[in-house]
Protein backbone atom coordinates (compact mmCIF):
# COMPACT_ATOMS: atom_id res chain seq x y z
CA MET A 1 0.00 0.00 0.00
CA GLN A 2 1.53 3.30 -1.13
CA THR A 3 1.59 5.84 1.71
CA PHE A 4 4.11 8.53 0.78
CA PRO A 5 2.62 11.12 -1.65
CA TRP A 6 5.36 10.89 -4.27
CA LEU A 7 3.47 12.55 -7.10
CA THR A 8 2.09 15.37 -4.99
CA THR A 9 5.58 16.02 -3.64
CA ALA A 10 7.12 16.01 -7.13
CA GLY A 11 4.47 18.46 -8.32
CA LEU A 12 4.36 20.69 -5.26
CA LEU A 13 8.12 21.22 -4.87
CA PRO A 14 8.54 23.29 -8.06
CA LEU A 15 5.42 25.32 -7.25
CA LEU A 16 6.73 26.19 -3.80
CA GLY A 17 10.09 26.92 -5.35
CA ALA A 18 8.44 29.27 -7.81
CA VAL A 19 6.82 31.20 -4.96
CA VAL A 20 10.15 31.51 -3.16
CA VAL A 21 12.01 32.62 -6.30
CA ALA A 22 9.38 35.20 -7.20
CA ALA A 23 9.21 36.55 -3.64
CA LEU A 24 12.96 36.98 -3.08
CA PRO A 25 13.75 40.54 -1.95
CA ARG A 26 15.77 42.80 -4.24
CA SER A 27 18.88 42.25 -2.11
CA LEU A 28 18.77 38.51 -2.88
CA ALA A 29 17.61 38.75 -6.51
CA SER A 30 20.97 37.49 -7.76
CA ALA A 31 20.30 34.17 -5.99
CA ALA A 32 17.06 33.50 -7.91
CA LYS A 33 18.74 31.32 -10.53
CA LEU A 34 20.57 29.26 -7.94
CA VAL A 35 17.42 28.71 -5.90
CA ALA A 36 15.46 27.69 -9.01
CA LEU A 37 18.20 25.29 -10.11
CA ALA A 38 18.41 23.76 -6.63
CA VAL A 39 14.64 23.22 -6.53
CA SER A 40 14.67 21.56 -9.95
CA VAL A 41 17.53 19.25 -8.92
CA LEU A 42 15.68 18.36 -5.71
CA THR A 43 12.58 17.58 -7.77
CA LEU A 44 14.68 15.34 -10.00
CA GLY A 45 15.85 13.50 -6.89
CA VAL A 46 12.25 12.93 -5.80
CA VAL A 47 11.35 11.61 -9.27
CA ILE A 48 14.33 9.25 -9.24
CA ALA A 49 13.30 7.93 -5.83
CA MET A 50 9.72 7.59 -7.07
CA SER A 51 10.92 5.64 -10.09
CA LEU A 52 12.77 3.19 -7.87
CA VAL A 53 9.54 2.52 -5.96
CA PHE A 54 7.61 1.84 -9.19
CA ASP A 55 7.04 -1.91 -9.67
CA THR A 56 7.20 -3.01 -13.32
CA SER A 57 5.72 -6.41 -12.43
CA SER A 58 2.58 -4.97 -10.79
CA ARG A 59 -0.79 -5.76 -12.36
CA GLN A 60 -2.30 -2.49 -11.16
CA GLN A 61 -3.13 -0.02 -13.89
CA PHE A 62 -1.80 2.91 -11.86
CA GLN A 63 0.78 3.01 -9.10
CA LEU A 64 1.76 5.67 -6.56
CA THR A 65 -1.91 6.63 -6.49
CA GLU A 66 -3.58 9.34 -4.41
CA THR A 67 -7.29 10.12 -4.45
CA HIS A 68 -8.93 12.92 -2.48
CA PRO A 69 -12.35 14.58 -2.95
CA TRP A 70 -12.07 17.94 -4.66
CA ILE A 71 -15.55 18.92 -5.93
CA PRO A 72 -17.58 15.82 -5.03
CA GLN A 73 -20.88 17.45 -6.06
CA PHE A 74 -19.61 17.33 -9.66
CA GLY A 75 -17.67 14.06 -9.37
CA VAL A 76 -14.26 15.77 -9.41
CA SER A 77 -11.36 14.34 -7.42
CA TYR A 78 -7.73 15.17 -6.92
CA ALA A 79 -6.59 11.81 -8.25
CA VAL A 80 -3.07 11.08 -9.44
CA GLY A 81 -1.18 7.96 -10.36
CA VAL A 82 1.21 6.71 -13.01
CA ASP A 83 1.58 3.86 -15.39
CA GLY A 84 4.84 3.20 -17.18
CA ILE A 85 4.23 5.73 -19.96
CA ALA A 86 3.33 8.55 -17.56
CA LEU A 87 6.32 7.73 -15.36
CA VAL A 88 8.91 8.00 -18.14
CA LEU A 89 7.40 11.28 -19.35
CA ILE A 90 7.52 12.75 -15.84
CA ALA A 91 11.14 11.59 -15.63
CA LEU A 92 11.81 13.27 -19.00
CA ALA A 93 10.46 16.56 -17.63
CA ALA A 94 12.40 16.22 -14.38
CA VAL A 95 15.69 15.73 -16.24
CA LEU A 96 15.16 18.49 -18.80
CA VAL A 97 14.11 21.24 -16.38
CA PRO A 98 17.47 21.57 -14.54
CA VAL A 99 19.30 21.23 -17.87
CA CYS A 100 17.17 24.06 -19.27
CA MET A 101 17.76 26.12 -16.13
CA LEU A 102 21.51 25.95 -16.78
CA ALA A 103 21.03 26.67 -20.46
CA ALA A 104 18.86 29.71 -19.61
CA TRP A 105 21.40 31.19 -17.19
CA HIS A 106 21.89 34.33 -19.29
CA ASP A 107 18.52 34.46 -21.07
CA VAL A 108 17.51 37.52 -19.03
CA PRO A 109 20.45 39.97 -19.00
CA GLU A 110 19.31 42.15 -16.12
CA VAL A 111 19.30 40.81 -12.54
CA GLY A 112 16.09 41.64 -10.71
CA ARG A 113 12.36 41.07 -10.75
CA ARG A 114 12.23 40.20 -14.46
CA GLU A 115 14.81 37.45 -14.08
CA GLN A 116 13.05 36.14 -10.97
CA ASN A 117 9.76 35.92 -12.85
CA TYR A 118 11.40 34.05 -15.71
CA PHE A 119 12.82 31.30 -13.52
CA ALA A 120 9.69 31.19 -11.36
CA LEU A 121 7.58 30.57 -14.46
CA LEU A 122 9.89 27.72 -15.50
CA LEU A 123 9.23 26.08 -12.12
CA VAL A 124 5.47 26.62 -12.45
CA LEU A 125 5.69 24.95 -15.84
CA GLU A 126 7.39 21.94 -14.24
CA THR A 127 4.50 21.61 -11.78
CA MET A 128 2.04 21.61 -14.68
CA MET A 129 4.03 18.97 -16.55
CA VAL A 130 4.16 16.61 -13.59
CA GLY A 131 0.47 17.12 -12.87
CA VAL A 132 -0.85 16.65 -16.38
CA PHE A 133 0.96 13.32 -16.84
CA ALA A 134 -0.03 12.10 -13.36
CA ALA A 135 -3.73 13.05 -13.41
CA THR A 136 -6.09 10.06 -13.32
CA ASP A 137 -9.20 12.20 -12.96
CA VAL A 138 -10.30 13.36 -16.41
CA PHE A 139 -11.49 16.77 -15.18
CA LEU A 140 -8.23 17.34 -13.27
CA PHE A 141 -6.35 16.43 -16.45
CA TYR A 142 -8.41 18.97 -18.39
CA VAL A 143 -7.75 21.73 -15.84
CA LEU A 144 -4.00 21.15 -15.98
CA PHE A 145 -4.13 20.74 -19.77
CA GLU A 146 -5.52 24.28 -20.01
CA ALA A 147 -3.58 25.80 -17.10
CA MET A 148 -0.20 24.95 -18.59
CA LEU A 149 -0.96 27.38 -21.44
CA VAL A 150 -0.57 30.29 -19.02
CA PRO A 151 3.13 30.02 -18.03
CA VAL A 152 4.12 29.19 -21.62
CA TYR A 153 2.21 32.22 -22.92
CA PHE A 154 4.06 34.57 -20.56
CA LEU A 155 7.43 32.88 -21.14
CA ILE A 156 7.13 33.37 -24.91
CA GLY A 157 5.28 36.70 -24.86
CA SER A 158 7.54 38.38 -22.32
CA PHE A 159 10.95 36.83 -22.98
CA GLY A 160 10.88 35.71 -26.62
CA GLY A 161 12.11 37.19 -29.89
CA ALA A 162 10.99 40.15 -31.97
CA ARG A 163 7.65 38.54 -32.93
CA ARG A 164 7.05 37.08 -29.49
CA GLN A 165 3.58 38.55 -28.98
CA TYR A 166 2.34 37.10 -32.26
CA ALA A 167 3.79 33.65 -31.50
CA ALA A 168 2.48 33.64 -27.91
CA THR A 169 -1.01 34.73 -28.91
CA LYS A 170 -1.17 32.18 -31.72
CA PHE A 171 -0.06 29.44 -29.33
CA LEU A 172 -2.66 30.49 -26.76
CA LEU A 173 -5.54 30.72 -29.24
CA TYR A 174 -4.81 27.31 -30.74
CA GLY A 175 -4.56 25.78 -27.26
CA LEU A 176 -7.76 27.40 -26.04
CA LEU A 177 -9.66 26.30 -29.13
CA GLY A 178 -8.62 22.68 -28.63
CA GLY A 179 -9.34 22.87 -24.91
CA LEU A 180 -12.84 24.25 -25.38
CA VAL A 181 -13.74 21.49 -27.82
CA MET A 182 -12.38 18.91 -25.40
CA LEU A 183 -14.37 20.45 -22.53
CA VAL A 184 -17.61 19.64 -24.32
CA ALA A 185 -16.50 16.01 -24.65
CA VAL A 186 -15.37 15.92 -20.98
CA ILE A 187 -18.79 17.12 -19.79
CA ALA A 188 -20.56 14.63 -22.07
CA LEU A 189 -18.35 11.86 -20.71
CA TYR A 190 -19.44 12.65 -17.15
CA VAL A 191 -23.13 12.94 -18.09
CA LEU A 192 -23.08 9.57 -19.85
CA GLY A 193 -20.84 7.94 -17.25
CA PRO A 194 -21.68 6.43 -13.86
CA GLY A 195 -21.72 9.81 -12.09
CA GLY A 196 -21.27 10.01 -8.34
CA PRO A 197 -18.56 11.72 -6.28
CA GLU A 198 -15.80 10.02 -8.32
CA GLY A 199 -17.53 10.23 -11.68
CA PHE A 200 -14.53 11.70 -13.48
CA LEU A 201 -12.05 9.00 -12.44
CA PHE A 202 -10.46 7.41 -15.48
CA THR A 203 -11.02 3.90 -14.14
CA ASN A 204 -14.76 4.61 -13.81
CA LEU A 205 -15.08 5.86 -17.38
CA THR A 206 -13.57 2.96 -19.31
CA GLY A 207 -15.92 0.42 -20.84
CA LEU A 208 -18.95 2.74 -21.08
CA ASP A 209 -21.81 1.54 -23.25
CA LEU A 210 -22.04 4.39 -25.77
CA SER A 211 -23.80 4.51 -29.11
CA PRO A 212 -21.38 4.58 -32.08
CA ALA A 213 -22.35 8.13 -33.05
CA THR A 214 -21.91 9.47 -29.51
CA GLU A 215 -18.62 7.69 -29.04
CA ARG A 216 -17.27 9.07 -32.30
CA LEU A 217 -18.23 12.65 -31.45
CA MET A 218 -16.61 12.40 -28.02
CA PHE A 219 -13.49 10.84 -29.53
CA LEU A 220 -13.24 13.73 -31.99
CA GLY A 221 -13.53 16.24 -29.14
CA PHE A 222 -10.55 14.72 -27.33
CA PHE A 223 -8.57 13.97 -30.48
CA PHE A 224 -8.89 17.50 -31.87
CA ALA A 225 -7.37 18.99 -28.71
CA PHE A 226 -4.60 16.40 -28.68
CA ALA A 227 -3.87 16.87 -32.40
CA ILE A 228 -3.32 20.60 -31.81
CA LYS A 229 -1.07 19.93 -28.87
CA ALA A 230 0.89 17.18 -30.64
CA PRO A 231 0.98 19.00 -33.22
CA LEU A 232 -0.46 17.15 -36.21
CA VAL A 233 -0.98 18.57 -39.70
CA PRO A 234 -3.09 20.63 -40.45
CA VAL A 235 -3.33 22.17 -36.94
CA HIS A 236 0.44 22.48 -36.53
CA THR A 237 1.13 26.03 -37.69
CA TRP A 238 1.56 27.49 -34.21
CA LEU A 239 4.62 25.33 -33.50
CA PRO A 240 7.21 26.76 -35.95
CA ASP A 241 6.40 30.28 -34.77
CA ALA A 242 6.71 29.24 -31.13
CA ALA A 243 9.98 27.40 -31.81
CA GLU A 244 11.39 30.44 -33.59
CA GLN A 245 10.33 33.09 -31.06
CA ALA A 246 10.51 31.30 -27.70
CA PRO A 247 13.68 31.41 -25.61
CA PRO A 248 15.61 28.18 -26.35
CA ALA A 249 14.99 26.68 -22.90
CA VAL A 250 11.27 27.36 -23.23
CA ALA A 251 11.21 25.87 -26.73
CA VAL A 252 12.82 22.71 -25.34
CA LEU A 253 10.22 22.29 -22.61
CA LEU A 254 7.38 23.18 -24.96
CA ILE A 255 8.31 20.86 -27.83
CA GLY A 256 10.33 18.29 -25.89
CA VAL A 257 7.81 17.72 -23.08
CA LEU A 258 4.54 19.69 -23.23
CA ASP A 259 3.69 18.69 -26.78
CA LYS A 260 3.91 15.06 -25.65
CA VAL A 261 0.69 15.71 -23.73
CA GLY A 262 -1.04 15.44 -27.11
CA THR A 263 0.34 12.03 -28.02
CA PHE A 264 0.14 10.90 -24.39
CA GLY A 265 -3.55 11.88 -24.38
CA MET A 266 -4.18 9.83 -27.51
CA ILE A 267 -2.78 6.64 -26.01
CA ARG A 268 -4.07 7.30 -22.46
CA PHE A 269 -7.57 8.65 -23.18
CA CYS A 270 -8.65 8.30 -26.81
CA LEU A 271 -7.91 4.59 -27.21
CA PRO A 272 -9.16 3.16 -23.87
CA LEU A 273 -12.17 5.47 -23.45
CA PHE A 274 -13.36 5.29 -27.07
CA PRO A 275 -12.06 2.01 -28.50
CA GLY A 276 -14.69 1.67 -31.22
CA ALA A 277 -14.27 5.25 -32.40
CA SER A 278 -10.48 4.87 -32.33
CA LYS A 279 -10.69 1.95 -34.75
CA TRP A 280 -13.18 3.89 -36.88
CA ALA A 281 -10.85 6.91 -37.10
CA THR A 282 -7.62 4.96 -37.58
CA PRO A 283 -7.43 5.20 -41.43
CA VAL A 284 -7.81 8.99 -41.38
CA VAL A 285 -5.40 9.43 -38.46
CA ILE A 286 -2.78 7.32 -40.21
CA VAL A 287 -3.09 9.48 -43.33
CA LEU A 288 -2.68 12.64 -41.22
CA ALA A 289 0.36 11.09 -39.53
CA LEU A 290 1.95 10.25 -42.88
CA VAL A 291 1.26 13.75 -44.19
CA SER A 292 2.89 15.19 -41.05
CA ILE A 293 5.97 12.99 -41.52
CA VAL A 294 6.56 13.98 -45.13
CA TYR A 295 5.24 17.56 -45.07
CA GLY A 296 7.13 18.51 -41.91
CA ALA A 297 10.36 17.09 -43.31
CA LEU A 298 9.97 18.87 -46.67
CA LEU A 299 9.33 22.20 -44.96
CA ALA A 300 12.35 21.65 -42.70
CA ILE A 301 14.58 21.25 -45.76
CA GLY A 302 13.55 24.68 -47.05
CA GLN A 303 14.14 26.68 -43.84
CA THR A 304 16.88 29.27 -43.40
CA ASP A 305 16.18 29.92 -39.69
CA VAL A 306 17.79 27.12 -37.67
CA MET A 307 15.21 27.26 -34.84
CA ARG A 308 12.31 27.17 -37.27
CA LEU A 309 13.94 24.22 -39.02
CA ILE A 310 14.11 22.29 -35.74
CA GLY A 311 10.45 23.12 -35.14
CA TYR A 312 9.45 21.57 -38.46
CA THR A 313 11.52 18.46 -37.75
CA SER A 314 9.34 17.95 -34.69
CA VAL A 315 6.19 18.09 -36.82
CA SER A 316 7.65 15.18 -38.78
CA HIS A 317 8.66 13.26 -35.66
CA PHE A 318 5.25 13.66 -34.05
CA GLY A 319 3.83 12.11 -37.21
CA PHE A 320 5.89 9.00 -36.45
CA ILE A 321 4.64 8.94 -32.86
CA VAL A 322 0.97 9.22 -33.89
CA LEU A 323 1.52 6.59 -36.59
CA GLY A 324 2.86 4.12 -34.03
CA ILE A 325 -0.05 4.74 -31.66
CA PHE A 326 -2.73 4.16 -34.29
CA ALA A 327 -0.96 1.23 -35.93
CA MET A 328 -2.73 -0.66 -33.11
CA THR A 329 0.17 -3.01 -32.46
CA SER A 330 2.09 -3.43 -29.22
CA THR A 331 5.38 -2.93 -31.05
CA GLY A 332 4.20 0.31 -32.63
CA GLN A 333 2.78 1.72 -29.40
CA SER A 334 5.88 0.78 -27.40
CA GLY A 335 7.96 2.47 -30.08
CA SER A 336 5.78 5.59 -29.89
CA ALA A 337 6.03 5.80 -26.10
CA LEU A 338 9.81 5.39 -26.32
CA TYR A 339 9.89 7.91 -29.18
CA MET A 340 8.28 10.51 -26.90
CA VAL A 341 11.21 10.18 -24.52
CA ASN A 342 13.95 9.96 -27.14
CA HIS A 343 12.59 12.87 -29.17
CA GLY A 344 12.57 14.98 -26.01
CA PHE A 345 16.27 14.46 -25.36
CA ALA A 346 17.39 14.68 -29.01
CA THR A 347 15.38 17.84 -29.67
CA ALA A 348 16.60 19.38 -26.41
CA ALA A 349 20.21 18.82 -27.45
CA LEU A 350 19.60 20.21 -30.93
CA PHE A 351 17.78 23.34 -29.69
CA LEU A 352 20.24 24.14 -26.91
CA VAL A 353 23.39 23.61 -28.97
CA ALA A 354 21.87 25.66 -31.80
CA ALA A 355 21.21 28.42 -29.26
CA MET A 356 24.89 28.33 -28.23
CA LEU A 357 25.88 28.83 -31.86
CA ILE A 358 23.36 31.64 -32.33
CA ARG A 359 24.67 33.42 -29.24
CA ARG A 360 28.21 33.28 -30.65
CA ARG A 361 27.36 34.26 -34.22
CA GLY A 362 24.61 36.75 -33.42
CA SER A 363 22.36 35.32 -36.13
CA ARG A 364 19.78 32.55 -36.52
CA ARG A 365 20.14 32.33 -40.31
CA ILE A 366 21.84 29.18 -41.56
CA PRO A 367 23.53 31.00 -44.51
CA ASP A 368 25.29 33.31 -42.00
CA PHE A 369 27.29 30.39 -40.66
CA GLY A 370 29.83 28.18 -42.43
CA GLY A 371 33.13 26.74 -41.24
CA TRP A 372 32.20 26.85 -37.58
CA GLN A 373 33.52 23.39 -36.82
CA ARG A 374 36.96 24.99 -37.21
CA VAL A 375 36.06 27.68 -34.68
CA THR A 376 34.13 25.70 -32.04
CA PRO A 377 34.91 22.00 -32.58
CA LEU A 378 33.34 20.84 -29.30
CA VAL A 379 30.10 22.71 -29.93
CA ALA A 380 30.10 21.41 -33.51
CA GLY A 381 30.62 17.84 -32.26
CA ALA A 382 27.68 18.13 -29.86
CA PHE A 383 25.59 19.62 -32.67
CA LEU A 384 26.49 16.69 -34.93
CA ILE A 385 25.55 14.07 -32.33
CA ALA A 386 22.23 15.83 -31.65
CA GLY A 387 21.56 16.01 -35.38
CA LEU A 388 22.42 12.37 -35.96
CA ALA A 389 20.11 11.39 -33.11
CA THR A 390 17.36 13.46 -34.75
CA LEU A 391 17.79 11.58 -38.03
CA SER A 392 17.72 8.28 -36.06
CA LEU A 393 21.24 7.02 -36.71
CA PRO A 394 21.69 3.44 -35.44
CA GLY A 395 23.39 3.45 -32.05
CA LEU A 396 21.65 6.64 -30.94
CA SER A 397 18.40 6.79 -29.00
CA SER A 398 15.86 7.73 -31.67
CA PHE A 399 16.80 4.82 -33.92
CA ILE A 400 15.28 2.05 -31.85
CA SER A 401 12.03 3.96 -31.26
CA GLU A 402 11.63 4.83 -34.94
CA PHE A 403 12.48 1.24 -35.88
CA LEU A 404 9.81 -0.11 -33.50
CA VAL A 405 7.22 2.30 -34.91
CA LEU A 406 7.97 1.18 -38.46
CA VAL A 407 7.99 -2.53 -37.58
CA GLY A 408 4.67 -2.14 -35.76
CA THR A 409 3.20 -0.24 -38.69
CA PHE A 410 4.43 -2.71 -41.30
CA ALA A 411 2.79 -5.55 -39.34
CA ARG A 412 -0.69 -4.15 -39.89
CA TYR A 413 -0.41 -1.42 -42.55
CA PRO A 414 2.53 -2.22 -44.84
CA ALA A 415 1.67 0.54 -47.34
CA ALA A 416 1.74 3.15 -44.57
CA GLY A 417 5.06 1.74 -43.40
CA VAL A 418 6.53 2.20 -46.87
CA VAL A 419 5.41 5.84 -47.04
CA ALA A 420 6.74 6.51 -43.54
CA THR A 421 10.22 5.34 -44.51
CA VAL A 422 10.40 8.35 -46.83
CA GLY A 423 10.63 10.41 -43.67
CA ILE A 424 13.91 8.69 -42.78
CA ILE A 425 15.47 9.75 -46.08
CA LEU A 426 14.18 13.31 -45.77
CA ALA A 427 15.48 13.52 -42.18
CA ALA A 428 18.97 12.71 -43.43
CA VAL A 429 18.63 15.45 -46.02
CA TYR A 430 17.55 18.27 -43.68
CA ILE A 431 19.99 17.40 -40.89
CA LEU A 432 23.07 16.79 -43.04
CA LEU A 433 22.41 19.83 -45.23
CA MET A 434 22.02 21.99 -42.13
CA TYR A 435 25.27 20.69 -40.67
CA GLN A 436 27.11 21.11 -43.97
CA ARG A 437 25.97 24.71 -44.41
CA MET A 438 26.68 25.73 -40.84
CA MET A 439 29.80 23.78 -39.94
CA THR A 440 31.87 22.90 -43.00
CA GLY A 441 33.97 25.17 -45.18
CA PRO A 442 36.85 27.55 -44.54
CA ARG A 443 37.34 29.18 -41.16
CA PRO A 444 35.27 32.40 -41.04
CA GLU A 445 37.32 35.51 -40.27
CA SER A 446 34.37 37.08 -38.46
CA ALA A 447 34.55 34.35 -35.79
CA ALA A 448 38.04 35.24 -34.63
CA GLY A 449 38.33 35.07 -30.86
CA THR A 450 35.11 33.09 -30.38
CA HIS A 451 35.39 30.65 -27.47
CA ASP A 452 34.43 27.00 -27.60
CA LEU A 453 32.22 25.08 -25.15
CA THR A 454 32.27 26.62 -21.66
CA LEU A 455 32.05 24.62 -18.43
CA ARG A 456 28.41 25.60 -17.87
CA GLU A 457 27.53 24.66 -21.43
CA ALA A 458 29.32 21.34 -20.98
CA TRP A 459 27.05 20.61 -18.00
CA VAL A 460 24.09 21.36 -20.29
CA VAL A 461 25.23 19.15 -23.16
CA ALA A 462 26.88 16.23 -21.35
CA PRO A 463 23.73 14.73 -19.71
CA LEU A 464 21.79 14.95 -22.97
CA ILE A 465 24.54 13.29 -25.01
CA ALA A 466 24.94 10.60 -22.35
CA VAL A 467 21.22 9.78 -22.42
CA ILE A 468 21.12 9.82 -26.24
CA ILE A 469 23.97 7.31 -26.44
CA GLY A 470 22.83 5.28 -23.41
CA LEU A 471 19.28 4.75 -24.65
CA GLY A 472 20.61 4.09 -28.13
CA VAL A 473 22.78 1.25 -26.88
CA TYR A 474 20.54 -0.11 -24.10
CA PRO A 475 16.85 0.96 -24.19
CA LYS A 476 15.62 -2.12 -22.30
CA PRO A 477 15.10 -0.48 -18.87
CA VAL A 478 12.75 2.13 -20.34
CA LEU A 479 10.93 -0.42 -22.52
CA ASP A 480 10.44 -2.67 -19.48
CA VAL A 481 8.60 0.20 -17.79
CA ILE A 482 6.57 1.11 -20.88
CA ASN A 483 5.52 -2.32 -22.16
CA PRO A 484 3.01 -3.31 -19.41
CA ALA A 485 1.11 -0.04 -19.93
CA VAL A 486 1.04 -0.62 -23.68
CA GLN A 487 -0.30 -4.15 -23.25
CA ARG A 488 -3.04 -2.85 -20.96
CA THR A 489 -4.00 -0.19 -23.51
CA MET A 490 -4.17 -2.84 -26.24
CA THR A 491 -6.50 -4.91 -24.04
CA GLN A 492 -8.74 -1.93 -23.22
CA THR A 493 -8.92 -0.99 -26.90
CA GLY A 494 -9.86 -4.56 -27.83
CA VAL A 495 -7.08 -5.15 -30.37
CA THR A 496 -4.42 -7.81 -30.65
CA ASP A 497 -1.23 -7.98 -32.62
CA PRO A 498 -1.69 -9.34 -36.16
CA ALA A 499 -0.49 -12.85 -36.87
CA PRO A 500 2.96 -13.05 -38.49
CA ARG A 501 2.82 -12.95 -42.26
CA ALA A 502 3.50 -16.18 -44.13
CA GLY A 503 7.08 -16.48 -45.25
CA THR A 504 8.51 -14.17 -42.59
CA PRO A 505 11.06 -15.52 -40.10
CA ALA A 506 8.55 -15.01 -37.27
CA ALA A 507 5.92 -17.01 -39.11
CA GLU A 508 8.35 -19.80 -39.93
CA GLY A 509 9.47 -19.93 -36.31
CA ALA A 510 5.84 -20.09 -35.13
CA SER A 511 5.10 -23.03 -37.43
CA LYS A 512 7.89 -25.18 -36.06
């Protein structure tokens, strides 16, 4: 019986830290960054301890659970718990926040209230990330799903680039639109559910007897909000603007973690709550995923702004994640869950190293670089590893997750698998062309005196590179955590893996 409130502690620590950082007197304003970093490291320690308590052999759907009445008259509870997928995404957030704190050390030049607010908002964002992945009450999930728009809006709108207000407003409007549509479906789910003081609990809402038309409408309400958050073509256009205008650390947390709420919601809510509608929508969702893979990659190739290019690569990668989820195979869904983690680390490395280069060159335009591997070889090496992880080079983390997604897709939808492999080729094109244009060539005279990787920057890059290589060589510990949750989702959705095709090694082995 779990007694210690691990999830509440992991979520409350950053929030309390944010209050402390924001309330520091002017005389201690210079300590705001150190306090924020210390709080994020302490939160990481709590998440590590929580992960060690998690039992991968348990048959419970959720572990580390807490349930307390919140608004019992409307069936709302403060209910949190994690399965394997939620746990690894919380761990992803807990690792990236202190890394982003270090990377953002000089994002706000002036010491004072403005800098305090910046780091306080990063801690508030961490609370939202932990909460939204841990929520097992659908209404609580919705509240956090909407609330996390607020700190991101202020982080982009107050601390971003020249077009920050436009990017922040566009992000907020897209998010609110998806959230309002989902709210209608959330209310309908409660009305048609069992009701009572715990009527919004996820476990009480699975297996409802809904008419096909009702189930499909409710599925679309949830899916639309998640497709915007993911983001999936054609509701993706807010992401490149946000990636371009947000401070690099904010872009990492937004695209590397928060956007995973969309794909997490698909596998956590859409499939188990609306299994019939999920199967009904699968052909269209797969087409949208394939369009995202190819379209995002093609647009990435044509970009001249390095941050915008990385944003479009994520549109393509999210297409792979959605494809694996709706392939309706355990291999594909395990690959998608692992992809969420691996994409977070690879994209974080690419964004943060690109930001280091931009800070040195004073420009975001790819044509303004050239020959920089001769100037900053260590930064260039980190940039190359991050880029190779993004294009899923074997031996680096993204490869195994992309491979599992493709294998799972080929097992049920071979034509879709063939189209998706085009994304691998295009990824090689946009990453290698970007590296060639920025890093190769003669040594630029304008870069004379530019320093290479600093000690602080090494502390930013080293953990990300270590994870990218570690999960590329040995992903089994993460897959062992993910797989039981995937199998449970498959059971709740009412699908099984397809039989091996005749003539394949698996089929021949099964016949012996």
